[in-house]
């Protein structure tokens, strides 16, 4: 009985260790201090680092870890970058090591004539 308990405990620890991977990503913009939202949740202002998580879910649970990263700065057009999950198991390489936003200024209202 004690051997079964130890094997179960080892299996749980291994599952927790391999069940989640992380990636630290630098997020920056030009000009700086743009507000960053990831999946509509406010994260902070650039320049910054954010840790992305990729989780493994046991079959038959299928949950995606897609990320929508949005930068907003007053006087500039908002910019969105979307990173979709790749089908490979425990692979978060679809999120690059650095996300950069080149913010474009809003056009004056009277110039669109």
Protein backbone atom coordinates (compact mmCIF):
# COMPACT_ATOMS: atom_id res chain seq x y z
CA UNK A 1 0.00 0.00 0.00
CA UNK A 2 2.83 2.37 0.85
CA UNK A 3 4.44 1.72 -2.57
CA UNK A 4 1.20 2.61 -4.40
CA UNK A 5 0.93 5.85 -2.43
CA UNK A 6 4.51 6.82 -3.33
CA UNK A 7 3.97 6.04 -7.02
CA UNK A 8 0.76 8.09 -7.03
CA UNK A 9 2.52 11.02 -5.36
CA UNK A 10 5.37 10.87 -7.91
CA UNK A 11 2.87 10.75 -10.79
CA UNK A 12 1.06 13.83 -9.45
CA UNK A 13 4.32 15.78 -9.03
CA UNK A 14 5.49 14.87 -12.56
CA UNK A 15 2.10 15.92 -13.98
CA UNK A 16 2.29 19.29 -12.23
CA UNK A 17 5.87 19.83 -13.42
CA UNK A 18 5.21 18.98 -17.07
CA UNK A 19 1.65 20.33 -17.12
CA UNK A 20 2.60 23.98 -17.40
CA UNK A 21 5.32 25.86 -19.25
CA UNK A 22 6.05 29.57 -19.14
CA UNK A 23 7.75 32.12 -21.34
CA UNK A 24 8.91 35.59 -20.31
CA UNK A 25 8.25 38.07 -23.15
CA UNK A 26 9.38 41.69 -23.49
CA UNK A 27 6.60 44.06 -24.64
CA UNK A 28 7.56 47.50 -25.91
CA UNK A 29 6.14 50.31 -28.04
CA UNK A 30 7.21 53.44 -29.83
CA UNK A 31 6.35 55.86 -28.32
CA UNK A 32 6.68 54.33 -24.87
CA UNK A 33 4.09 54.08 -22.08
CA UNK A 34 1.31 52.50 -24.16
CA UNK A 35 -1.29 50.65 -22.09
CA UNK A 36 -1.14 46.89 -22.69
CA UNK A 37 -4.11 44.57 -22.43
CA UNK A 38 -3.84 40.81 -22.87
CA UNK A 39 -7.17 39.10 -23.56
CA UNK A 40 -8.94 42.31 -22.48
CA UNK A 41 -7.17 42.36 -19.10
CA UNK A 42 -5.05 45.41 -18.26
CA UNK A 43 -1.44 44.33 -17.67
CA UNK A 44 0.58 47.56 -17.48
CA UNK A 45 2.47 50.11 -19.56
CA UNK A 46 5.40 49.62 -21.90
CA UNK A 47 8.26 48.88 -21.64
CA UNK A 48 7.49 45.76 -19.62
CA UNK A 49 7.89 42.01 -19.32
CA UNK A 50 5.00 39.55 -19.12
CA UNK A 51 5.02 35.83 -18.39
CA UNK A 52 2.84 33.78 -20.73
CA UNK A 53 1.61 30.39 -19.55
CA UNK A 54 0.86 27.35 -21.66
CA UNK A 55 -1.03 24.58 -19.91
CA UNK A 56 -1.60 20.99 -20.83
CA UNK A 57 -5.09 19.62 -20.26
CA UNK A 58 -5.82 15.88 -20.09
CA UNK A 59 -7.89 14.29 -22.81
CA UNK A 60 -10.80 14.94 -23.63
CA UNK A 61 -10.57 18.50 -22.27
CA UNK A 62 -9.61 20.87 -25.09
CA UNK A 63 -8.81 24.38 -23.96
CA UNK A 64 -6.97 26.89 -26.11
CA UNK A 65 -4.41 29.37 -24.87
CA UNK A 66 -4.74 32.02 -27.58
CA UNK A 67 -3.52 35.51 -26.72
CA UNK A 68 -4.77 38.88 -28.01
CA UNK A 69 -2.31 41.62 -27.09
CA UNK A 70 -3.56 45.19 -27.52
CA UNK A 71 -1.67 48.47 -27.14
CA UNK A 72 -3.46 51.80 -26.61
CA UNK A 73 -2.05 55.29 -26.23
CA UNK A 74 -4.03 58.55 -26.27
CA UNK A 75 -3.62 60.32 -29.63
CA UNK A 76 -2.56 57.10 -31.40
CA UNK A 77 -4.45 54.34 -33.18
CA UNK A 78 -4.81 51.17 -31.07
CA UNK A 79 -2.83 48.20 -32.34
CA UNK A 80 -3.66 44.51 -31.84
CA UNK A 81 -1.51 41.41 -32.30
CA UNK A 82 -3.02 37.92 -32.01
CA UNK A 83 -1.03 34.80 -31.22
CA UNK A 84 -2.85 31.51 -31.69
CA UNK A 85 -1.97 28.23 -30.08
CA UNK A 86 0.02 25.77 -32.14
CA UNK A 87 -1.07 22.13 -32.13
CA UNK A 88 2.20 20.86 -30.65
CA UNK A 89 2.04 19.64 -27.04
CA UNK A 90 3.52 22.07 -24.50
CA UNK A 91 4.78 24.52 -27.13
CA UNK A 92 4.49 28.26 -26.51
CA UNK A 93 6.90 29.21 -29.27
CA UNK A 94 4.01 30.88 -31.10
CA UNK A 95 4.43 33.84 -28.75
CA UNK A 96 7.66 35.59 -29.82
CA UNK A 97 10.40 36.57 -27.37
CA UNK A 98 9.57 40.25 -27.96
CA UNK A 99 6.35 42.00 -28.96
CA UNK A 100 6.79 45.50 -30.39
CA UNK A 101 4.07 48.00 -31.26
CA UNK A 102 4.80 50.93 -33.59
CA UNK A 103 1.98 53.28 -32.71
CA UNK A 104 0.63 55.45 -35.55
CA UNK A 105 -0.78 58.90 -34.68
CA UNK A 106 -4.48 59.52 -35.26
CA UNK A 107 -5.25 61.56 -38.34
CA UNK A 108 -6.85 64.97 -37.71
CA UNK A 109 -10.64 64.86 -38.15
CA UNK A 110 -10.75 67.54 -40.89
CA UNK A 111 -8.13 65.92 -43.18
CA UNK A 112 -10.37 63.07 -44.48
CA UNK A 113 -12.24 65.26 -46.96
